[in-house]
Full PDB file with SEQRES, HELIX, SHEET, SSBOND, CRYST1, ORIGX, SCALE, CONECT and MASTER records, all heavy atoms in Angstrom:
SEQRES   1 A   31  ILE PHE LYS HIS ALA GLU ASP ASN LYS VAL GLY VAL PRO          
SEQRES   2 A   31  ALA ARG ILE GLN LEU MET LEU LYS SER ARG ASP ARG ARG          
SEQRES   3 A   31  LEU ASP VAL LEU LYS                                          
HELIX    1 AA1 PHE A    2  GLU A    6  1                                   5    
HELIX    2 AA2 ALA A   14  GLN A   17  1                                   4    
HELIX    3 AA3 ARG A   25  LEU A   30  1                                   6    
CRYST1    1.000    1.000    1.000  90.00  90.00  90.00 P 1           1          
ORIGX1      1.000000  0.000000  0.000000        0.00000                         
ORIGX2      0.000000  1.000000  0.000000        0.00000                         
ORIGX3      0.000000  0.000000  1.000000        0.00000                         
SCALE1      1.000000  0.000000  0.000000        0.00000                         
SCALE2      0.000000  1.000000  0.000000        0.00000                         
SCALE3      0.000000  0.000000  1.000000        0.00000                         
ATOM      1  N   ILE A   1      -2.387 -16.158   0.250  1.00  0.00           N  
ATOM      2  CA  ILE A   1      -1.710 -14.997   0.882  1.00  0.00           C  
ATOM      3  C   ILE A   1      -2.612 -13.794   0.875  1.00  0.00           C  
ATOM      4  O   ILE A   1      -2.810 -13.120   1.901  1.00  0.00           O  
ATOM      5  CB  ILE A   1      -0.399 -14.700   0.144  1.00  0.00           C  
ATOM      6  CG1 ILE A   1       0.639 -15.819   0.402  1.00  0.00           C  
ATOM      7  CG2 ILE A   1       0.170 -13.359   0.612  1.00  0.00           C  
ATOM      8  CD1 ILE A   1       1.891 -15.691  -0.443  1.00  0.00           C  
ATOM      9  N   PHE A   2      -3.209 -13.487  -0.280  1.00  0.00           N  
ATOM     10  CA  PHE A   2      -4.066 -12.311  -0.409  1.00  0.00           C  
ATOM     11  C   PHE A   2      -5.288 -12.412   0.509  1.00  0.00           C  
ATOM     12  O   PHE A   2      -5.697 -11.442   1.140  1.00  0.00           O  
ATOM     13  CB  PHE A   2      -4.514 -12.118  -1.861  1.00  0.00           C  
ATOM     14  CG  PHE A   2      -3.371 -11.834  -2.806  1.00  0.00           C  
ATOM     15  CD1 PHE A   2      -3.469 -12.239  -4.140  1.00  0.00           C  
ATOM     16  CD2 PHE A   2      -2.230 -11.180  -2.376  1.00  0.00           C  
ATOM     17  CE1 PHE A   2      -2.413 -11.976  -5.023  1.00  0.00           C  
ATOM     18  CE2 PHE A   2      -1.183 -10.927  -3.243  1.00  0.00           C  
ATOM     19  CZ  PHE A   2      -1.284 -11.321  -4.582  1.00  0.00           C  
ATOM     20  N   LYS A   3      -5.858 -13.624   0.609  1.00  0.00           N  
ATOM     21  CA  LYS A   3      -7.042 -13.820   1.436  1.00  0.00           C  
ATOM     22  C   LYS A   3      -6.684 -13.634   2.931  1.00  0.00           C  
ATOM     23  O   LYS A   3      -7.444 -12.998   3.675  1.00  0.00           O  
ATOM     24  CB  LYS A   3      -7.624 -15.219   1.215  1.00  0.00           C  
ATOM     25  CG  LYS A   3      -8.951 -15.455   1.951  1.00  0.00           C  
ATOM     26  CD  LYS A   3     -10.042 -14.544   1.383  1.00  0.00           C  
ATOM     27  CE  LYS A   3     -11.427 -14.901   1.906  1.00  0.00           C  
ATOM     28  NZ  LYS A   3     -11.595 -14.614   3.338  1.00  0.00           N  
ATOM     29  N   HIS A   4      -5.542 -14.169   3.327  1.00  0.00           N  
ATOM     30  CA  HIS A   4      -5.122 -13.994   4.713  1.00  0.00           C  
ATOM     31  C   HIS A   4      -4.890 -12.508   5.010  1.00  0.00           C  
ATOM     32  O   HIS A   4      -5.273 -12.028   6.090  1.00  0.00           O  
ATOM     33  CB  HIS A   4      -3.833 -14.772   4.982  1.00  0.00           C  
ATOM     34  CG  HIS A   4      -4.044 -16.199   5.373  1.00  0.00           C  
ATOM     35  ND1 HIS A   4      -4.644 -17.111   4.533  1.00  0.00           N  
ATOM     36  CD2 HIS A   4      -3.784 -16.878   6.518  1.00  0.00           C  
ATOM     37  CE1 HIS A   4      -4.702 -18.284   5.140  1.00  0.00           C  
ATOM     38  NE2 HIS A   4      -4.216 -18.164   6.366  1.00  0.00           N  
ATOM     39  N   ALA A   5      -4.278 -11.791   4.079  1.00  0.00           N  
ATOM     40  CA  ALA A   5      -4.034 -10.365   4.288  1.00  0.00           C  
ATOM     41  C   ALA A   5      -5.335  -9.588   4.346  1.00  0.00           C  
ATOM     42  O   ALA A   5      -5.500  -8.677   5.176  1.00  0.00           O  
ATOM     43  CB  ALA A   5      -3.129  -9.834   3.175  1.00  0.00           C  
ATOM     44  N   GLU A   6      -6.263  -9.942   3.455  1.00  0.00           N  
ATOM     45  CA  GLU A   6      -7.575  -9.263   3.444  1.00  0.00           C  
ATOM     46  C   GLU A   6      -8.302  -9.490   4.765  1.00  0.00           C  
ATOM     47  O   GLU A   6      -8.989  -8.587   5.247  1.00  0.00           O  
ATOM     48  CB  GLU A   6      -8.419  -9.770   2.285  1.00  0.00           C  
ATOM     49  CG  GLU A   6      -9.730  -9.021   2.131  1.00  0.00           C  
ATOM     50  CD  GLU A   6     -10.595  -9.564   1.002  1.00  0.00           C  
ATOM     51  OE1 GLU A   6     -10.779 -10.790   0.945  1.00  0.00           O  
ATOM     52  OE2 GLU A   6     -11.110  -8.766   0.212  1.00  0.00           O  
ATOM     53  N   ASP A   7      -8.143 -10.660   5.328  1.00  0.00           N  
ATOM     54  CA  ASP A   7      -8.795 -11.001   6.597  1.00  0.00           C  
ATOM     55  C   ASP A   7      -7.974 -10.543   7.816  1.00  0.00           C  
ATOM     56  O   ASP A   7      -8.271 -10.908   8.948  1.00  0.00           O  
ATOM     57  CB  ASP A   7      -9.026 -12.507   6.696  1.00  0.00           C  
ATOM     58  CG  ASP A   7     -10.032 -13.014   5.698  1.00  0.00           C  
ATOM     59  OD1 ASP A   7     -10.801 -12.190   5.150  1.00  0.00           O  
ATOM     60  OD2 ASP A   7     -10.068 -14.226   5.401  1.00  0.00           O  
ATOM     61  N   ASN A   8      -6.939  -9.755   7.539  1.00  0.00           N  
ATOM     62  CA  ASN A   8      -6.051  -9.230   8.596  1.00  0.00           C  
ATOM     63  C   ASN A   8      -5.312 -10.313   9.360  1.00  0.00           C  
ATOM     64  O   ASN A   8      -4.981 -10.160  10.542  1.00  0.00           O  
ATOM     65  CB  ASN A   8      -6.843  -8.330   9.567  1.00  0.00           C  
ATOM     66  CG  ASN A   8      -5.959  -7.380  10.343  1.00  0.00           C  
ATOM     67  OD1 ASN A   8      -4.901  -6.971   9.833  1.00  0.00           O  
ATOM     68  ND2 ASN A   8      -6.347  -7.029  11.555  1.00  0.00           N  
ATOM     69  N   LYS A   9      -5.052 -11.426   8.687  1.00  0.00           N  
ATOM     70  CA  LYS A   9      -4.275 -12.493   9.315  1.00  0.00           C  
ATOM     71  C   LYS A   9      -2.793 -12.320   8.953  1.00  0.00           C  
ATOM     72  O   LYS A   9      -2.177 -13.163   8.297  1.00  0.00           O  
ATOM     73  CB  LYS A   9      -4.763 -13.866   8.851  1.00  0.00           C  
ATOM     74  CG  LYS A   9      -6.205 -14.163   9.291  1.00  0.00           C  
ATOM     75  CD  LYS A   9      -6.654 -15.511   8.769  1.00  0.00           C  
ATOM     76  CE  LYS A   9      -8.081 -15.821   9.198  1.00  0.00           C  
ATOM     77  NZ  LYS A   9      -8.544 -17.118   8.656  1.00  0.00           N  
ATOM     78  N   VAL A  10      -2.258 -11.171   9.326  1.00  0.00           N  
ATOM     79  CA  VAL A  10      -0.885 -10.816   9.027  1.00  0.00           C  
ATOM     80  C   VAL A  10      -0.102 -10.726  10.327  1.00  0.00           C  
ATOM     81  O   VAL A  10      -0.588 -10.129  11.287  1.00  0.00           O  
ATOM     82  CB  VAL A  10      -0.809  -9.490   8.254  1.00  0.00           C  
ATOM     83  CG1 VAL A  10       0.655  -9.101   8.004  1.00  0.00           C  
ATOM     84  CG2 VAL A  10      -1.569  -9.594   6.941  1.00  0.00           C  
ATOM     85  N   GLY A  11       1.090 -11.287  10.346  1.00  0.00           N  
ATOM     86  CA  GLY A  11       1.889 -11.256  11.565  1.00  0.00           C  
ATOM     87  C   GLY A  11       1.465 -12.377  12.520  1.00  0.00           C  
ATOM     88  O   GLY A  11       0.983 -13.421  12.100  1.00  0.00           O  
ATOM     89  N   VAL A  12       1.608 -12.130  13.790  1.00  0.00           N  
ATOM     90  CA  VAL A  12       1.258 -13.155  14.776  1.00  0.00           C  
ATOM     91  C   VAL A  12      -0.255 -13.293  14.856  1.00  0.00           C  
ATOM     92  O   VAL A  12      -0.995 -12.377  14.504  1.00  0.00           O  
ATOM     93  CB  VAL A  12       1.843 -12.783  16.163  1.00  0.00           C  
ATOM     94  CG1 VAL A  12       3.340 -12.797  16.143  1.00  0.00           C  
ATOM     95  CG2 VAL A  12       1.337 -11.439  16.638  1.00  0.00           C  
ATOM     96  N   PRO A  13      -0.761 -14.449  15.349  1.00  0.00           N  
ATOM     97  CA  PRO A  13      -2.204 -14.665  15.454  1.00  0.00           C  
ATOM     98  C   PRO A  13      -2.882 -13.582  16.296  1.00  0.00           C  
ATOM     99  O   PRO A  13      -2.258 -12.986  17.182  1.00  0.00           O  
ATOM    100  CB  PRO A  13      -2.320 -16.037  16.135  1.00  0.00           C  
ATOM    101  CG  PRO A  13      -1.036 -16.716  15.802  1.00  0.00           C  
ATOM    102  CD  PRO A  13      -0.004 -15.643  15.734  1.00  0.00           C  
ATOM    103  N   ALA A  14      -4.156 -13.342  16.041  1.00  0.00           N  
ATOM    104  CA  ALA A  14      -4.902 -12.267  16.679  1.00  0.00           C  
ATOM    105  C   ALA A  14      -4.867 -12.381  18.200  1.00  0.00           C  
ATOM    106  O   ALA A  14      -4.749 -11.386  18.907  1.00  0.00           O  
ATOM    107  CB  ALA A  14      -6.333 -12.258  16.177  1.00  0.00           C  
ATOM    108  N   ARG A  15      -4.954 -13.613  18.713  1.00  0.00           N  
ATOM    109  CA  ARG A  15      -4.989 -13.775  20.189  1.00  0.00           C  
ATOM    110  C   ARG A  15      -3.656 -13.362  20.802  1.00  0.00           C  
ATOM    111  O   ARG A  15      -3.618 -12.951  21.954  1.00  0.00           O  
ATOM    112  CB  ARG A  15      -5.327 -15.216  20.535  1.00  0.00           C  
ATOM    113  CG  ARG A  15      -4.269 -16.231  20.131  1.00  0.00           C  
ATOM    114  CD  ARG A  15      -4.714 -17.649  20.484  1.00  0.00           C  
ATOM    115  NE  ARG A  15      -3.701 -18.627  20.160  1.00  0.00           N  
ATOM    116  CZ  ARG A  15      -3.487 -19.143  18.960  1.00  0.00           C  
ATOM    117  NH1 ARG A  15      -4.262 -18.764  17.968  1.00  0.00           N  
ATOM    118  NH2 ARG A  15      -2.544 -20.051  18.772  1.00  0.00           N  
ATOM    119  N   ILE A  16      -2.555 -13.511  20.025  1.00  0.00           N  
ATOM    120  CA  ILE A  16      -1.258 -13.077  20.515  1.00  0.00           C  
ATOM    121  C   ILE A  16      -1.091 -11.567  20.353  1.00  0.00           C  
ATOM    122  O   ILE A  16      -0.497 -10.894  21.187  1.00  0.00           O  
ATOM    123  CB  ILE A  16      -0.128 -13.815  19.783  1.00  0.00           C  
ATOM    124  CG1 ILE A  16      -0.307 -15.319  19.886  1.00  0.00           C  
ATOM    125  CG2 ILE A  16       1.238 -13.406  20.347  1.00  0.00           C  
ATOM    126  CD1 ILE A  16      -0.256 -15.843  21.299  1.00  0.00           C  
ATOM    127  N   GLN A  17      -1.659 -11.033  19.271  1.00  0.00           N  
ATOM    128  CA  GLN A  17      -1.566  -9.592  19.016  1.00  0.00           C  
ATOM    129  C   GLN A  17      -2.171  -8.794  20.162  1.00  0.00           C  
ATOM    130  O   GLN A  17      -1.701  -7.697  20.479  1.00  0.00           O  
ATOM    131  CB  GLN A  17      -2.288  -9.226  17.734  1.00  0.00           C  
ATOM    132  CG  GLN A  17      -1.553  -9.699  16.464  1.00  0.00           C  
ATOM    133  CD  GLN A  17      -2.261  -9.256  15.207  1.00  0.00           C  
ATOM    134  OE1 GLN A  17      -3.034  -8.296  15.227  1.00  0.00           O  
ATOM    135  NE2 GLN A  17      -2.005  -9.928  14.118  1.00  0.00           N  
ATOM    136  N   LEU A  18      -3.217  -9.353  20.790  1.00  0.00           N  
ATOM    137  CA  LEU A  18      -3.848  -8.659  21.892  1.00  0.00           C  
ATOM    138  C   LEU A  18      -2.891  -8.450  23.053  1.00  0.00           C  
ATOM    139  O   LEU A  18      -3.055  -7.539  23.877  1.00  0.00           O  
ATOM    140  CB  LEU A  18      -5.084  -9.444  22.367  1.00  0.00           C  
ATOM    141  CG  LEU A  18      -6.246  -9.524  21.352  1.00  0.00           C  
ATOM    142  CD1 LEU A  18      -7.339 -10.429  21.896  1.00  0.00           C  
ATOM    143  CD2 LEU A  18      -6.786  -8.148  21.031  1.00  0.00           C  
ATOM    144  N   MET A  19      -1.881  -9.321  23.153  1.00  0.00           N  
ATOM    145  CA  MET A  19      -0.922  -9.233  24.252  1.00  0.00           C  
ATOM    146  C   MET A  19       0.303  -8.393  23.887  1.00  0.00           C  
ATOM    147  O   MET A  19       1.165  -8.164  24.703  1.00  0.00           O  
ATOM    148  CB  MET A  19      -0.470 -10.648  24.659  1.00  0.00           C  
ATOM    149  CG  MET A  19      -1.628 -11.509  25.161  1.00  0.00           C  
ATOM    150  SD  MET A  19      -1.064 -13.103  25.768  1.00  0.00           S  
ATOM    151  CE  MET A  19      -0.431 -13.868  24.257  1.00  0.00           C  
ATOM    152  N   LEU A  20       0.389  -8.007  22.631  1.00  0.00           N  
ATOM    153  CA  LEU A  20       1.557  -7.265  22.162  1.00  0.00           C  
ATOM    154  C   LEU A  20       1.209  -5.841  21.839  1.00  0.00           C  
ATOM    155  O   LEU A  20       0.102  -5.515  21.414  1.00  0.00           O  
ATOM    156  CB  LEU A  20       2.149  -7.954  20.917  1.00  0.00           C  
ATOM    157  CG  LEU A  20       2.646  -9.388  21.081  1.00  0.00           C  
ATOM    158  CD1 LEU A  20       3.089  -9.942  19.745  1.00  0.00           C  
ATOM    159  CD2 LEU A  20       3.771  -9.451  22.086  1.00  0.00           C  
ATOM    160  N   LYS A  21       2.178  -5.000  21.974  1.00  0.00           N  
ATOM    161  CA  LYS A  21       2.008  -3.595  21.575  1.00  0.00           C  
ATOM    162  C   LYS A  21       1.967  -3.508  20.075  1.00  0.00           C  
ATOM    163  O   LYS A  21       2.751  -4.147  19.373  1.00  0.00           O  
ATOM    164  CB  LYS A  21       3.174  -2.775  22.137  1.00  0.00           C  
ATOM    165  CG  LYS A  21       3.084  -1.284  21.815  1.00  0.00           C  
ATOM    166  CD  LYS A  21       4.274  -0.553  22.404  1.00  0.00           C  
ATOM    167  CE  LYS A  21       4.231   0.912  22.063  1.00  0.00           C  
ATOM    168  NZ  LYS A  21       5.407   1.643  22.617  1.00  0.00           N  
ATOM    169  N   SER A  22       1.078  -2.698  19.531  1.00  0.00           N  
ATOM    170  CA  SER A  22       0.987  -2.534  18.083  1.00  0.00           C  
ATOM    171  C   SER A  22       2.325  -2.016  17.544  1.00  0.00           C  
ATOM    172  O   SER A  22       2.934  -1.113  18.124  1.00  0.00           O  
ATOM    173  CB  SER A  22      -0.124  -1.539  17.735  1.00  0.00           C  
ATOM    174  OG  SER A  22      -0.165  -1.303  16.359  1.00  0.00           O  
ATOM    175  N   ARG A  23       2.785  -2.606  16.420  1.00  0.00           N  
ATOM    176  CA  ARG A  23       4.100  -2.272  15.920  1.00  0.00           C  
ATOM    177  C   ARG A  23       4.060  -2.004  14.401  1.00  0.00           C  
ATOM    178  O   ARG A  23       3.418  -2.745  13.656  1.00  0.00           O  
ATOM    179  CB  ARG A  23       5.086  -3.416  16.204  1.00  0.00           C  
ATOM    180  CG  ARG A  23       6.455  -3.175  15.623  1.00  0.00           C  
ATOM    181  CD  ARG A  23       7.479  -4.187  16.079  1.00  0.00           C  
ATOM    182  NE  ARG A  23       8.786  -3.862  15.534  1.00  0.00           N  
ATOM    183  CZ  ARG A  23       9.548  -2.882  15.976  1.00  0.00           C  
ATOM    184  NH1 ARG A  23       9.174  -2.170  17.006  1.00  0.00           N  
ATOM    185  NH2 ARG A  23      10.710  -2.619  15.416  1.00  0.00           N  
ATOM    186  N   ASP A  24       4.741  -0.983  13.997  1.00  0.00           N  
ATOM    187  CA  ASP A  24       4.836  -0.632  12.584  1.00  0.00           C  
ATOM    188  C   ASP A  24       6.053  -1.369  12.001  1.00  0.00           C  
ATOM    189  O   ASP A  24       7.183  -1.108  12.414  1.00  0.00           O  
ATOM    190  CB  ASP A  24       5.013   0.885  12.443  1.00  0.00           C  
ATOM    191  CG  ASP A  24       4.848   1.332  11.002  1.00  0.00           C  
ATOM    192  OD1 ASP A  24       5.189   0.535  10.086  1.00  0.00           O  
ATOM    193  OD2 ASP A  24       4.416   2.468  10.760  1.00  0.00           O  
ATOM    194  N   ARG A  25       5.812  -2.251  11.055  1.00  0.00           N  
ATOM    195  CA  ARG A  25       6.866  -3.058  10.460  1.00  0.00           C  
ATOM    196  C   ARG A  25       7.929  -2.219   9.758  1.00  0.00           C  
ATOM    197  O   ARG A  25       9.081  -2.626   9.623  1.00  0.00           O  
ATOM    198  CB  ARG A  25       6.246  -4.063   9.468  1.00  0.00           C  
ATOM    199  CG  ARG A  25       7.210  -5.077   8.883  1.00  0.00           C  
ATOM    200  CD  ARG A  25       6.454  -6.037   8.011  1.00  0.00           C  
ATOM    201  NE  ARG A  25       7.381  -6.950   7.362  1.00  0.00           N  
ATOM    202  CZ  ARG A  25       8.046  -6.677   6.253  1.00  0.00           C  
ATOM    203  NH1 ARG A  25       7.883  -5.521   5.645  1.00  0.00           N  
ATOM    204  NH2 ARG A  25       8.875  -7.578   5.731  1.00  0.00           N  
ATOM    205  N   ARG A  26       7.558  -1.028   9.319  1.00  0.00           N  
ATOM    206  CA  ARG A  26       8.501  -0.184   8.607  1.00  0.00           C  
ATOM    207  C   ARG A  26       9.666   0.271   9.527  1.00  0.00           C  
ATOM    208  O   ARG A  26      10.750   0.581   9.038  1.00  0.00           O  
ATOM    209  CB  ARG A  26       7.785   1.030   8.042  1.00  0.00           C  
ATOM    210  CG  ARG A  26       6.793   0.665   6.932  1.00  0.00           C  
ATOM    211  CD  ARG A  26       5.964   1.850   6.531  1.00  0.00           C  
ATOM    212  NE  ARG A  26       5.140   2.347   7.629  1.00  0.00           N  
ATOM    213  CZ  ARG A  26       4.364   3.415   7.539  1.00  0.00           C  
ATOM    214  NH1 ARG A  26       4.284   4.113   6.396  1.00  0.00           N  
ATOM    215  NH2 ARG A  26       3.638   3.822   8.569  1.00  0.00           N  
ATOM    216  N   LEU A  27       9.434   0.262  10.839  1.00  0.00           N  
ATOM    217  CA  LEU A  27      10.509   0.614  11.763  1.00  0.00           C  
ATOM    218  C   LEU A  27      11.652  -0.391  11.653  1.00  0.00           C  
ATOM    219  O   LEU A  27      12.834  -0.028  11.697  1.00  0.00           O  
ATOM    220  CB  LEU A  27       9.982   0.636  13.195  1.00  0.00           C  
ATOM    221  CG  LEU A  27       8.893   1.681  13.517  1.00  0.00           C  
ATOM    222  CD1 LEU A  27       8.429   1.518  14.964  1.00  0.00           C  
ATOM    223  CD2 LEU A  27       9.411   3.089  13.273  1.00  0.00           C  
ATOM    224  N   ASP A  28      11.286  -1.674  11.500  1.00  0.00           N  
ATOM    225  CA  ASP A  28      12.319  -2.717  11.379  1.00  0.00           C  
ATOM    226  C   ASP A  28      13.101  -2.539  10.082  1.00  0.00           C  
ATOM    227  O   ASP A  28      14.319  -2.811  10.023  1.00  0.00           O  
ATOM    228  CB  ASP A  28      11.667  -4.100  11.410  1.00  0.00           C  
ATOM    229  CG  ASP A  28      11.047  -4.400  12.766  1.00  0.00           C  
ATOM    230  OD1 ASP A  28      11.619  -3.989  13.774  1.00  0.00           O  
ATOM    231  OD2 ASP A  28       9.986  -5.068  12.794  1.00  0.00           O  
ATOM    232  N   VAL A  29      12.425  -2.101   9.008  1.00  0.00           N  
ATOM    233  CA  VAL A  29      13.087  -1.882   7.730  1.00  0.00           C  
ATOM    234  C   VAL A  29      14.139  -0.774   7.883  1.00  0.00           C  
ATOM    235  O   VAL A  29      15.279  -0.914   7.410  1.00  0.00           O  
ATOM    236  CB  VAL A  29      12.094  -1.532   6.640  1.00  0.00           C  
ATOM    237  CG1 VAL A  29      12.789  -1.136   5.354  1.00  0.00           C  
ATOM    238  CG2 VAL A  29      11.131  -2.690   6.381  1.00  0.00           C  
ATOM    239  N   LEU A  30      13.763   0.317   8.534  1.00  0.00           N  
ATOM    240  CA  LEU A  30      14.687   1.442   8.719  1.00  0.00           C  
ATOM    241  C   LEU A  30      15.871   1.036   9.617  1.00  0.00           C  
ATOM    242  O   LEU A  30      17.020   1.419   9.341  1.00  0.00           O  
ATOM    243  CB  LEU A  30      13.945   2.639   9.335  1.00  0.00           C  
ATOM    244  CG  LEU A  30      12.878   3.275   8.440  1.00  0.00           C  
ATOM    245  CD1 LEU A  30      12.075   4.303   9.213  1.00  0.00           C  
ATOM    246  CD2 LEU A  30      13.524   3.944   7.228  1.00  0.00           C  
ATOM    247  N   LYS A  31      15.598   0.266  10.644  1.00  0.00           N  
ATOM    248  CA  LYS A  31      16.689  -0.201  11.513  1.00  0.00           C  
ATOM    249  C   LYS A  31      17.646  -1.101  10.759  1.00  0.00           C  
ATOM    250  O   LYS A  31      18.867  -1.011  10.889  1.00  0.00           O  
ATOM    251  CB  LYS A  31      16.074  -0.942  12.718  1.00  0.00           C  
ATOM    252  CG  LYS A  31      15.357  -0.044  13.696  1.00  0.00           C  
ATOM    253  CD  LYS A  31      14.554  -0.842  14.712  1.00  0.00           C  
ATOM    254  CE  LYS A  31      15.431  -1.651  15.616  1.00  0.00           C  
ATOM    255  NZ  LYS A  31      14.649  -2.364  16.655  1.00  0.00           N  
TER     256      LYS A  31                                                      
MASTER        0    0    0    3    0    0    0    6  255    1    0    3          
END                                                                             
């Protein structure tokens, strides 16, 4: 888990992230 996070492998895969708008996860927590 720590290695994936360090390598920025968090959330959807990088190739999919390029197609998505950057999102702050904390917004979901507040909602």
